[in-house]
Amino acid sequence: MPQENPRLKRILEKVRPKTFFEDLAEYGYLMQYVDEFMKEKWDNEESFQIKILNILYEYSKYPSQELNLYYLWHFNHAMEIFSEEVKEVK
Protein backbone atom coordinates (compact mmCIF):
# COMPACT_ATOMS: atom_id res chain seq x y z
CA MET A 1 0.00 0.00 0.00
CA PRO A 2 1.57 3.35 -1.00
CA GLN A 3 2.13 5.95 1.68
CA GLU A 4 0.05 9.10 1.67
CA ASN A 5 1.91 12.25 0.77
CA PRO A 6 0.87 14.92 3.34
CA ARG A 7 1.77 17.77 0.99
CA LEU A 8 -0.37 16.33 -1.78
CA LYS A 9 -3.21 15.80 0.67
CA ARG A 10 -3.11 19.49 1.75
CA ILE A 11 -3.10 20.63 -1.88
CA LEU A 12 -6.03 18.39 -2.79
CA GLU A 13 -8.04 19.68 0.19
CA LYS A 14 -7.69 23.23 -1.16
CA VAL A 15 -8.42 22.38 -4.80
CA ARG A 16 -12.19 22.52 -5.06
CA PRO A 17 -14.82 24.71 -6.63
CA LYS A 18 -15.93 27.76 -4.68
CA THR A 19 -19.18 27.49 -2.78
CA PHE A 20 -22.19 29.75 -3.19
CA PHE A 21 -21.31 31.53 0.08
CA GLU A 22 -17.73 32.09 -1.08
CA ASP A 23 -18.97 33.64 -4.32
CA LEU A 24 -21.34 35.92 -2.42
CA ALA A 25 -18.53 37.00 -0.09
CA GLU A 26 -16.23 37.75 -3.02
CA TYR A 27 -18.81 40.09 -4.53
CA GLY A 28 -19.76 41.68 -1.20
CA TYR A 29 -23.26 40.22 -0.85
CA LEU A 30 -22.83 37.44 1.71
CA MET A 31 -24.07 39.31 4.77
CA GLN A 32 -26.99 40.77 2.80
CA TYR A 33 -27.97 37.22 1.78
CA VAL A 34 -27.60 35.89 5.33
CA ASP A 35 -29.62 38.80 6.76
CA GLU A 36 -32.40 38.28 4.25
CA PHE A 37 -32.66 34.49 4.05
CA MET A 38 -30.86 33.00 7.05
CA LYS A 39 -31.35 35.53 9.84
CA GLU A 40 -32.72 33.01 12.35
CA LYS A 41 -29.84 30.61 11.77
CA TRP A 42 -27.32 33.48 12.11
CA ASP A 43 -28.90 34.60 15.39
CA ASN A 44 -29.12 31.12 16.94
CA GLU A 45 -26.15 29.05 15.72
CA GLU A 46 -22.67 30.12 16.73
CA SER A 47 -21.06 27.49 14.49
CA PHE A 48 -22.88 28.99 11.49
CA GLN A 49 -21.71 32.49 12.46
CA ILE A 50 -18.11 31.30 12.68
CA LYS A 51 -18.39 29.55 9.31
CA ILE A 52 -19.75 32.72 7.66
CA LEU A 53 -17.14 34.95 9.34
CA ASN A 54 -14.35 32.65 8.17
CA ILE A 55 -15.69 32.81 4.62
CA LEU A 56 -15.84 36.60 4.84
CA TYR A 57 -12.26 36.73 6.10
CA GLU A 58 -11.01 34.41 3.38
CA TYR A 59 -12.93 35.67 0.33
CA SER A 60 -14.38 39.14 0.83
CA LYS A 61 -12.71 42.06 -0.88
CA TYR A 62 -14.88 44.49 1.06
CA PRO A 63 -14.90 45.55 4.72
CA SER A 64 -17.48 43.79 6.88
CA GLN A 65 -18.94 45.31 10.02
CA GLU A 66 -19.80 41.84 11.35
CA LEU A 67 -16.24 40.62 10.88
CA ASN A 68 -14.79 43.74 12.50
CA LEU A 69 -17.11 43.36 15.50
CA TYR A 70 -16.16 39.70 15.83
CA TYR A 71 -12.46 40.53 15.96
CA LEU A 72 -13.02 43.48 18.31
CA TRP A 73 -14.96 41.26 20.69
CA HIS A 74 -12.13 38.67 20.72
CA PHE A 75 -9.48 41.36 21.12
CA ASN A 76 -11.41 42.87 24.04
CA HIS A 77 -11.75 39.45 25.65
CA ALA A 78 -8.01 38.80 25.28
CA MET A 79 -7.22 42.18 26.82
CA GLU A 80 -9.50 41.44 29.78
CA ILE A 81 -7.65 38.18 30.40
CA PHE A 82 -4.32 39.99 30.09
CA SER A 83 -5.49 42.66 32.53
CA GLU A 84 -6.54 40.03 35.07
CA GLU A 85 -3.18 38.27 34.73
CA VAL A 86 -1.31 41.53 35.27
CA LYS A 87 -3.40 42.26 38.38
CA GLU A 88 -2.50 38.84 39.80
CA VAL A 89 1.22 39.46 39.23
CA LYS A 90 1.16 42.81 41.03
PDB file of N, CA and C in Angstrom:
ATOM      1  N   MET A   1       0.851  -1.182   0.000  1.00  0.00           N
ATOM      2  CA  MET A   1       0.000   0.000   0.000  1.00  0.00           C
ATOM      3  C   MET A   1       0.895   1.243   0.000  1.00  0.00           C
ATOM      4  N   PRO A   2       0.727   2.157  -0.956  1.00  0.00           N
ATOM      5  CA  PRO A   2       1.574   3.355  -1.005  1.00  0.00           C
ATOM      6  C   PRO A   2       1.260   4.306   0.154  1.00  0.00           C
ATOM      7  N   GLN A   3       2.311   4.995   0.601  1.00  0.00           N
ATOM      8  CA  GLN A   3       2.127   5.951   1.685  1.00  0.00           C
ATOM      9  C   GLN A   3       1.492   7.229   1.155  1.00  0.00           C
ATOM     10  N   GLU A   4       0.698   7.844   2.032  1.00  0.00           N
ATOM     11  CA  GLU A   4       0.052   9.100   1.669  1.00  0.00           C
ATOM     12  C   GLU A   4       1.044  10.242   1.767  1.00  0.00           C
ATOM     13  N   ASN A   5       1.051  11.076   0.763  1.00  0.00           N
ATOM     14  CA  ASN A   5       1.911  12.247   0.767  1.00  0.00           C
ATOM     15  C   ASN A   5       1.155  13.392   1.449  1.00  0.00           C
ATOM     16  N   PRO A   6       1.614  13.876   2.629  1.00  0.00           N
ATOM     17  CA  PRO A   6       0.870  14.925   3.335  1.00  0.00           C
ATOM     18  C   PRO A   6       0.773  16.227   2.549  1.00  0.00           C
ATOM     19  N   ARG A   7       1.806  16.542   1.793  1.00  0.00           N
ATOM     20  CA  ARG A   7       1.774  17.773   0.993  1.00  0.00           C
ATOM     21  C   ARG A   7       0.699  17.685  -0.084  1.00  0.00           C
ATOM     22  N   LEU A   8       0.644  16.544  -0.752  1.00  0.00           N
ATOM     23  CA  LEU A   8      -0.370  16.334  -1.784  1.00  0.00           C
ATOM     24  C   LEU A   8      -1.769  16.374  -1.169  1.00  0.00           C
ATOM     25  N   LYS A   9      -1.917  15.795  -0.007  1.00  0.00           N
ATOM     26  CA  LYS A   9      -3.214  15.800   0.674  1.00  0.00           C
ATOM     27  C   LYS A   9      -3.671  17.224   0.969  1.00  0.00           C
ATOM     28  N   ARG A  10      -2.762  18.096   1.471  1.00  0.00           N
ATOM     29  CA  ARG A  10      -3.108  19.494   1.752  1.00  0.00           C
ATOM     30  C   ARG A  10      -3.511  20.227   0.478  1.00  0.00           C
ATOM     31  N   ILE A  11      -2.795  19.975  -0.596  1.00  0.00           N
ATOM     32  CA  ILE A  11      -3.099  20.626  -1.876  1.00  0.00           C
ATOM     33  C   ILE A  11      -4.475  20.189  -2.373  1.00  0.00           C
ATOM     34  N   LEU A  12      -4.752  18.900  -2.303  1.00  0.00           N
ATOM     35  CA  LEU A  12      -6.032  18.390  -2.791  1.00  0.00           C
ATOM     36  C   LEU A  12      -7.204  18.888  -1.955  1.00  0.00           C
ATOM     37  N   GLU A  13      -6.978  19.137  -0.656  1.00  0.00           N
ATOM     38  CA  GLU A  13      -8.036  19.681   0.186  1.00  0.00           C
ATOM     39  C   GLU A  13      -8.403  21.104  -0.227  1.00  0.00           C
ATOM     40  N   LYS A  14      -7.445  21.842  -0.773  1.00  0.00           N
ATOM     41  CA  LYS A  14      -7.691  23.229  -1.164  1.00  0.00           C
ATOM     42  C   LYS A  14      -8.203  23.353  -2.598  1.00  0.00           C
ATOM     43  N   VAL A  15      -7.993  22.336  -3.404  1.00  0.00           N
ATOM     44  CA  VAL A  15      -8.421  22.376  -4.796  1.00  0.00           C
ATOM     45  C   VAL A  15      -9.864  21.880  -4.855  1.00  0.00           C
ATOM     46  N   ARG A  16     -10.764  22.824  -4.986  1.00  0.00           N
ATOM     47  CA  ARG A  16     -12.187  22.516  -5.060  1.00  0.00           C
ATOM     48  C   ARG A  16     -12.896  23.736  -5.629  1.00  0.00           C
ATOM     49  N   PRO A  17     -14.077  23.545  -6.152  1.00  0.00           N
ATOM     50  CA  PRO A  17     -14.819  24.714  -6.635  1.00  0.00           C
ATOM     51  C   PRO A  17     -15.277  25.578  -5.461  1.00  0.00           C
ATOM     52  N   LYS A  18     -15.431  26.858  -5.719  1.00  0.00           N
ATOM     53  CA  LYS A  18     -15.930  27.759  -4.677  1.00  0.00           C
ATOM     54  C   LYS A  18     -17.396  27.457  -4.400  1.00  0.00           C
ATOM     55  N   THR A  19     -17.784  27.690  -3.157  1.00  0.00           N
ATOM     56  CA  THR A  19     -19.184  27.485  -2.780  1.00  0.00           C
ATOM     57  C   THR A  19     -19.992  28.748  -3.097  1.00  0.00           C
ATOM     58  N   PHE A  20     -21.286  28.622  -2.974  1.00  0.00           N
ATOM     59  CA  PHE A  20     -22.185  29.753  -3.187  1.00  0.00           C
ATOM     60  C   PHE A  20     -21.863  30.877  -2.201  1.00  0.00           C
ATOM     61  N   PHE A  21     -21.646  30.526  -0.929  1.00  0.00           N
ATOM     62  CA  PHE A  21     -21.311  31.530   0.082  1.00  0.00           C
ATOM     63  C   PHE A  21     -19.989  32.230  -0.246  1.00  0.00           C
ATOM     64  N   GLU A  22     -19.024  31.492  -0.716  1.00  0.00           N
ATOM     65  CA  GLU A  22     -17.730  32.090  -1.075  1.00  0.00           C
ATOM     66  C   GLU A  22     -17.877  33.070  -2.232  1.00  0.00           C
ATOM     67  N   ASP A  23     -18.698  32.716  -3.207  1.00  0.00           N
ATOM     68  CA  ASP A  23     -18.971  33.640  -4.321  1.00  0.00           C
ATOM     69  C   ASP A  23     -19.661  34.908  -3.827  1.00  0.00           C
ATOM     70  N   LEU A  24     -20.653  34.747  -2.961  1.00  0.00           N
ATOM     71  CA  LEU A  24     -21.344  35.919  -2.417  1.00  0.00           C
ATOM     72  C   LEU A  24     -20.381  36.817  -1.649  1.00  0.00           C
ATOM     73  N   ALA A  25     -19.506  36.217  -0.862  1.00  0.00           N
ATOM     74  CA  ALA A  25     -18.530  37.003  -0.089  1.00  0.00           C
ATOM     75  C   ALA A  25     -17.593  37.762  -1.022  1.00  0.00           C
ATOM     76  N   GLU A  26     -17.157  37.113  -2.071  1.00  0.00           N
ATOM     77  CA  GLU A  26     -16.233  37.745  -3.017  1.00  0.00           C
ATOM     78  C   GLU A  26     -16.845  38.993  -3.655  1.00  0.00           C
ATOM     79  N   TYR A  27     -18.153  38.956  -3.897  1.00  0.00           N
ATOM     80  CA  TYR A  27     -18.815  40.093  -4.528  1.00  0.00           C
ATOM     81  C   TYR A  27     -19.465  41.052  -3.528  1.00  0.00           C
ATOM     82  N   GLY A  28     -19.289  40.762  -2.234  1.00  0.00           N
ATOM     83  CA  GLY A  28     -19.758  41.680  -1.199  1.00  0.00           C
ATOM     84  C   GLY A  28     -21.220  41.529  -0.805  1.00  0.00           C
ATOM     85  N   TYR A  29     -21.842  40.396  -1.117  1.00  0.00           N
ATOM     86  CA  TYR A  29     -23.265  40.219  -0.847  1.00  0.00           C
ATOM     87  C   TYR A  29     -23.571  39.140   0.189  1.00  0.00           C
ATOM     88  N   LEU A  30     -22.566  38.556   0.806  1.00  0.00           N
ATOM     89  CA  LEU A  30     -22.827  37.436   1.711  1.00  0.00           C
ATOM     90  C   LEU A  30     -23.674  37.847   2.911  1.00  0.00           C
ATOM     91  N   MET A  31     -23.313  38.919   3.581  1.00  0.00           N
ATOM     92  CA  MET A  31     -24.074  39.307   4.769  1.00  0.00           C
ATOM     93  C   MET A  31     -25.483  39.763   4.403  1.00  0.00           C
ATOM     94  N   GLN A  32     -25.647  40.380   3.244  1.00  0.00           N
ATOM     95  CA  GLN A  32     -26.991  40.768   2.798  1.00  0.00           C
ATOM     96  C   GLN A  32     -27.844  39.510   2.598  1.00  0.00           C
ATOM     97  N   TYR A  33     -27.257  38.479   1.998  1.00  0.00           N
ATOM     98  CA  TYR A  33     -27.966  37.219   1.781  1.00  0.00           C
ATOM     99  C   TYR A  33     -28.328  36.564   3.111  1.00  0.00           C
ATOM    100  N   VAL A  34     -27.357  36.509   4.026  1.00  0.00           N
ATOM    101  CA  VAL A  34     -27.596  35.893   5.331  1.00  0.00           C
ATOM    102  C   VAL A  34     -28.681  36.656   6.086  1.00  0.00           C
ATOM    103  N   ASP A  35     -28.616  37.990   6.067  1.00  0.00           N
ATOM    104  CA  ASP A  35     -29.623  38.802   6.756  1.00  0.00           C
ATOM    105  C   ASP A  35     -31.025  38.574   6.190  1.00  0.00           C
ATOM    106  N   GLU A  36     -31.092  38.402   4.886  1.00  0.00           N
ATOM    107  CA  GLU A  36     -32.401  38.277   4.249  1.00  0.00           C
ATOM    108  C   GLU A  36     -32.985  36.866   4.334  1.00  0.00           C
ATOM    109  N   PHE A  37     -32.138  35.846   4.166  1.00  0.00           N
ATOM    110  CA  PHE A  37     -32.656  34.489   4.045  1.00  0.00           C
ATOM    111  C   PHE A  37     -32.284  33.545   5.195  1.00  0.00           C
ATOM    112  N   MET A  38     -31.321  33.914   6.018  1.00  0.00           N
ATOM    113  CA  MET A  38     -30.858  32.999   7.055  1.00  0.00           C
ATOM    114  C   MET A  38     -30.687  33.703   8.398  1.00  0.00           C
ATOM    115  N   LYS A  39     -31.466  34.711   8.636  1.00  0.00           N
ATOM    116  CA  LYS A  39     -31.348  35.533   9.841  1.00  0.00           C
ATOM    117  C   LYS A  39     -31.495  34.701  11.117  1.00  0.00           C
ATOM    118  N   GLU A  40     -32.479  33.822  11.149  1.00  0.00           N
ATOM    119  CA  GLU A  40     -32.717  33.012  12.348  1.00  0.00           C
ATOM    120  C   GLU A  40     -31.525  32.085  12.631  1.00  0.00           C
ATOM    121  N   LYS A  41     -31.006  31.480  11.590  1.00  0.00           N
ATOM    122  CA  LYS A  41     -29.841  30.608  11.767  1.00  0.00           C
ATOM    123  C   LYS A  41     -28.643  31.420  12.249  1.00  0.00           C
ATOM    124  N   TRP A  42     -28.423  32.597  11.696  1.00  0.00           N
ATOM    125  CA  TRP A  42     -27.323  33.479  12.113  1.00  0.00           C
ATOM    126  C   TRP A  42     -27.457  33.846  13.592  1.00  0.00           C
ATOM    127  N   ASP A  43     -28.665  34.168  14.007  1.00  0.00           N
ATOM    128  CA  ASP A  43     -28.901  34.598  15.386  1.00  0.00           C
ATOM    129  C   ASP A  43     -28.774  33.471  16.398  1.00  0.00           C
ATOM    130  N   ASN A  44     -29.027  32.219  15.980  1.00  0.00           N
ATOM    131  CA  ASN A  44     -29.118  31.119  16.937  1.00  0.00           C
ATOM    132  C   ASN A  44     -27.978  30.106  16.896  1.00  0.00           C
ATOM    133  N   GLU A  45     -27.190  30.086  15.851  1.00  0.00           N
ATOM    134  CA  GLU A  45     -26.152  29.053  15.717  1.00  0.00           C
ATOM    135  C   GLU A  45     -24.764  29.683  15.634  1.00  0.00           C
ATOM    136  N   GLU A  46     -24.013  29.551  16.701  1.00  0.00           N
ATOM    137  CA  GLU A  46     -22.667  30.125  16.734  1.00  0.00           C
ATOM    138  C   GLU A  46     -21.755  29.472  15.697  1.00  0.00           C
ATOM    139  N   SER A  47     -21.910  28.173  15.478  1.00  0.00           N
ATOM    140  CA  SER A  47     -21.060  27.493  14.493  1.00  0.00           C
ATOM    141  C   SER A  47     -21.310  28.052  13.085  1.00  0.00           C
ATOM    142  N   PHE A  48     -22.561  28.387  12.780  1.00  0.00           N
ATOM    143  CA  PHE A  48     -22.881  28.988  11.491  1.00  0.00           C
ATOM    144  C   PHE A  48     -22.251  30.378  11.379  1.00  0.00           C
ATOM    145  N   GLN A  49     -22.327  31.165  12.454  1.00  0.00           N
ATOM    146  CA  GLN A  49     -21.710  32.493  12.465  1.00  0.00           C
ATOM    147  C   GLN A  49     -20.212  32.393  12.192  1.00  0.00           C
ATOM    148  N   ILE A  50     -19.551  31.463  12.861  1.00  0.00           N
ATOM    149  CA  ILE A  50     -18.107  31.300  12.682  1.00  0.00           C
ATOM    150  C   ILE A  50     -17.783  30.881  11.250  1.00  0.00           C
ATOM    151  N   LYS A  51     -18.596  29.982  10.697  1.00  0.00           N
ATOM    152  CA  LYS A  51     -18.393  29.552   9.305  1.00  0.00           C
ATOM    153  C   LYS A  51     -18.498  30.745   8.352  1.00  0.00           C
ATOM    154  N   ILE A  52     -19.534  31.559   8.530  1.00  0.00           N
ATOM    155  CA  ILE A  52     -19.747  32.721   7.658  1.00  0.00           C
ATOM    156  C   ILE A  52     -18.614  33.737   7.842  1.00  0.00           C
ATOM    157  N   LEU A  53     -18.221  33.989   9.082  1.00  0.00           N
ATOM    158  CA  LEU A  53     -17.141  34.950   9.338  1.00  0.00           C
ATOM    159  C   LEU A  53     -15.821  34.476   8.740  1.00  0.00           C
ATOM    160  N   ASN A  54     -15.556  33.187   8.797  1.00  0.00           N
ATOM    161  CA  ASN A  54     -14.346  32.650   8.173  1.00  0.00           C
ATOM    162  C   ASN A  54     -14.385  32.813   6.660  1.00  0.00           C
ATOM    163  N   ILE A  55     -15.546  32.612   6.072  1.00  0.00           N
ATOM    164  CA  ILE A  55     -15.690  32.807   4.624  1.00  0.00           C
ATOM    165  C   ILE A  55     -15.478  34.277   4.277  1.00  0.00           C
ATOM    166  N   LEU A  56     -16.052  35.169   5.073  1.00  0.00           N
ATOM    167  CA  LEU A  56     -15.841  36.605   4.837  1.00  0.00           C
ATOM    168  C   LEU A  56     -14.361  36.952   4.901  1.00  0.00           C
ATOM    169  N   TYR A  57     -13.686  36.442   5.920  1.00  0.00           N
ATOM    170  CA  TYR A  57     -12.261  36.733   6.097  1.00  0.00           C
ATOM    171  C   TYR A  57     -11.457  36.239   4.896  1.00  0.00           C
ATOM    172  N   GLU A  58     -11.787  35.054   4.444  1.00  0.00           N
ATOM    173  CA  GLU A  58     -11.013  34.413   3.379  1.00  0.00           C
ATOM    174  C   GLU A  58     -11.294  34.990   1.992  1.00  0.00           C
ATOM    175  N   TYR A  59     -12.549  35.348   1.711  1.00  0.00           N
ATOM    176  CA  TYR A  59     -12.930  35.666   0.331  1.00  0.00           C
ATOM    177  C   TYR A  59     -13.386  37.094   0.063  1.00  0.00           C
ATOM    178  N   SER A  60     -13.820  37.810   1.082  1.00  0.00           N
ATOM    179  CA  SER A  60     -14.378  39.136   0.834  1.00  0.00           C
ATOM    180  C   SER A  60     -13.298  40.152   0.492  1.00  0.00           C
ATOM    181  N   LYS A  61     -13.605  40.970  -0.493  1.00  0.00           N
ATOM    182  CA  LYS A  61     -12.707  42.064  -0.880  1.00  0.00           C
ATOM    183  C   LYS A  61     -13.171  43.370  -0.250  1.00  0.00           C
ATOM    184  N   TYR A  62     -14.268  43.296   0.497  1.00  0.00           N
ATOM    185  CA  TYR A  62     -14.884  44.491   1.058  1.00  0.00           C
ATOM    186  C   TYR A  62     -14.894  44.415   2.583  1.00  0.00           C
ATOM    187  N   PRO A  63     -14.839  45.568   3.246  1.00  0.00           N
ATOM    188  CA  PRO A  63     -14.904  45.551   4.717  1.00  0.00           C
ATOM    189  C   PRO A  63     -16.266  45.030   5.194  1.00  0.00           C
ATOM    190  N   SER A  64     -16.250  44.349   6.326  1.00  0.00           N
ATOM    191  CA  SER A  64     -17.477  43.794   6.876  1.00  0.00           C
ATOM    192  C   SER A  64     -17.606  44.212   8.335  1.00  0.00           C
ATOM    193  N   GLN A  65     -18.710  44.874   8.646  1.00  0.00           N
ATOM    194  CA  GLN A  65     -18.943  45.312  10.018  1.00  0.00           C
ATOM    195  C   GLN A  65     -19.022  44.106  10.955  1.00  0.00           C
ATOM    196  N   GLU A  66     -19.662  43.032  10.521  1.00  0.00           N
ATOM    197  CA  GLU A  66     -19.795  41.842  11.355  1.00  0.00           C
ATOM    198  C   GLU A  66     -18.435  41.231  11.671  1.00  0.00           C
ATOM    199  N   LEU A  67     -17.573  41.177  10.674  1.00  0.00           N
ATOM    200  CA  LEU A  67     -16.242  40.616  10.883  1.00  0.00           C
ATOM    201  C   LEU A  67     -15.420  41.507  11.803  1.00  0.00           C
ATOM    202  N   ASN A  68     -15.509  42.814  11.624  1.00  0.00           N
ATOM    203  CA  ASN A  68     -14.794  43.741  12.502  1.00  0.00           C
ATOM    204  C   ASN A  68     -15.269  43.621  13.940  1.00  0.00           C
ATOM    205  N   LEU A  69     -16.577  43.516  14.151  1.00  0.00           N
ATOM    206  CA  LEU A  69     -17.114  43.364  15.500  1.00  0.00           C
ATOM    207  C   LEU A  69     -16.663  42.055  16.139  1.00  0.00           C
ATOM    208  N   TYR A  70     -16.621  41.003  15.340  1.00  0.00           N
ATOM    209  CA  TYR A  70     -16.164  39.700  15.829  1.00  0.00           C
ATOM    210  C   TYR A  70     -14.724  39.795  16.331  1.00  0.00           C
ATOM    211  N   TYR A  71     -13.856  40.403  15.548  1.00  0.00           N
ATOM    212  CA  TYR A  71     -12.457  40.531  15.958  1.00  0.00           C
ATOM    213  C   TYR A  71     -12.294  41.489  17.129  1.00  0.00           C
ATOM    214  N   LEU A  72     -13.068  42.564  17.164  1.00  0.00           N
ATOM    215  CA  LEU A  72     -13.015  43.479  18.306  1.00  0.00           C
ATOM    216  C   LEU A  72     -13.449  42.796  19.596  1.00  0.00           C
ATOM    217  N   TRP A  73     -14.499  41.980  19.510  1.00  0.00           N
ATOM    218  CA  TRP A  73     -14.956  41.257  20.687  1.00  0.00           C
ATOM    219  C   TRP A  73     -13.858  40.334  21.206  1.00  0.00           C
ATOM    220  N   HIS A  74     -13.205  39.588  20.309  1.00  0.00           N
ATOM    221  CA  HIS A  74     -12.130  38.672  20.724  1.00  0.00           C
ATOM    222  C   HIS A  74     -10.921  39.433  21.251  1.00  0.00           C
ATOM    223  N   PHE A  75     -10.596  40.544  20.637  1.00  0.00           N
ATOM    224  CA  PHE A  75      -9.483  41.361  21.123  1.00  0.00           C
ATOM    225  C   PHE A  75      -9.788  41.882  22.524  1.00  0.00           C
ATOM    226  N   ASN A  76     -11.002  42.366  22.727  1.00  0.00           N
ATOM    227  CA  ASN A  76     -11.412  42.866  24.037  1.00  0.00           C
ATOM    228  C   ASN A  76     -11.340  41.753  25.087  1.00  0.00           C
ATOM    229  N   HIS A  77     -11.796  40.588  24.731  1.00  0.00           N
ATOM    230  CA  HIS A  77     -11.751  39.447  25.648  1.00  0.00           C
ATOM    231  C   HIS A  77     -10.301  39.091  26.001  1.00  0.00           C
ATOM    232  N   ALA A  78      -9.425  39.093  25.017  1.00  0.00           N
ATOM    233  CA  ALA A  78      -8.014  38.798  25.275  1.00  0.00           C
ATOM    234  C   ALA A  78      -7.384  39.855  26.173  1.00  0.00           C
ATOM    235  N   MET A  79      -7.765  41.110  25.968  1.00  0.00           N
ATOM    236  CA  MET A  79      -7.220  42.178  26.816  1.00  0.00           C
ATOM    237  C   MET A  79      -7.737  42.072  28.248  1.00  0.00           C
ATOM    238  N   GLU A  80      -8.968  41.648  28.430  1.00  0.00           N
ATOM    239  CA  GLU A  80      -9.502  41.440  29.777  1.00  0.00           C
ATOM    240  C   GLU A  80      -8.728  40.347  30.501  1.00  0.00           C
ATOM    241  N   ILE A  81      -8.442  39.262  29.807  1.00  0.00           N
ATOM    242  CA  ILE A  81      -7.654  38.176  30.402  1.00  0.00           C
ATOM    243  C   ILE A  81      -6.262  38.684  30.749  1.00  0.00           C
ATOM    244  N   PHE A  82      -5.642  39.424  29.847  1.00  0.00           N
ATOM    245  CA  PHE A  82      -4.321  39.987  30.089  1.00  0.00           C
ATOM    246  C   PHE A  82      -4.346  40.903  31.307  1.00  0.00           C
ATOM    247  N   SER A  83      -5.357  41.732  31.403  1.00  0.00           N
ATOM    248  CA  SER A  83      -5.487  42.656  32.525  1.00  0.00           C
ATOM    249  C   SER A  83      -5.614  41.902  33.846  1.00  0.00           C
ATOM    250  N   GLU A  84      -6.394  40.848  33.864  1.00  0.00           N
ATOM    251  CA  GLU A  84      -6.537  40.030  35.065  1.00  0.00           C
ATOM    252  C   GLU A  84      -5.221  39.375  35.452  1.00  0.00           C
ATOM    253  N   GLU A  85      -4.486  38.903  34.463  1.00  0.00           N
ATOM    254  CA  GLU A  85      -3.182  38.269  34.731  1.00  0.00           C
ATOM    255  C   GLU A  85      -2.196  39.274  35.306  1.00  0.00           C
ATOM    256  N   VAL A  86      -2.211  40.480  34.786  1.00  0.00           N
ATOM    257  CA  VAL A  86      -1.311  41.535  35.273  1.00  0.00           C
ATOM    258  C   VAL A  86      -1.674  41.893  36.721  1.00  0.00           C
ATOM    259  N   LYS A  87      -2.958  41.957  37.019  1.00  0.00           N
ATOM    260  CA  LYS A  87      -3.396  42.261  38.383  1.00  0.00           C
ATOM    261  C   LYS A  87      -2.908  41.202  39.368  1.00  0.00           C
ATOM    262  N   GLU A  88      -2.949  39.939  38.938  1.00  0.00           N
ATOM    263  CA  GLU A  88      -2.504  38.844  39.800  1.00  0.00           C
ATOM    264  C   GLU A  88      -1.001  38.919  40.057  1.00  0.00           C
ATOM    265  N   VAL A  89      -0.234  39.364  39.086  1.00  0.00           N
ATOM    266  CA  VAL A  89       1.215  39.459  39.235  1.00  0.00           C
ATOM    267  C   VAL A  89       1.592  40.580  40.193  1.00  0.00           C
ATOM    268  N   LYS A  90       0.855  41.671  40.163  1.00  0.00           N
ATOM    269  CA  LYS A  90       1.157  42.813  41.033  1.00  0.00           C
ATOM    270  C   LYS A  90       0.895  42.434  42.417  1.00  0.00           C
TER     271      LYS A  90
END
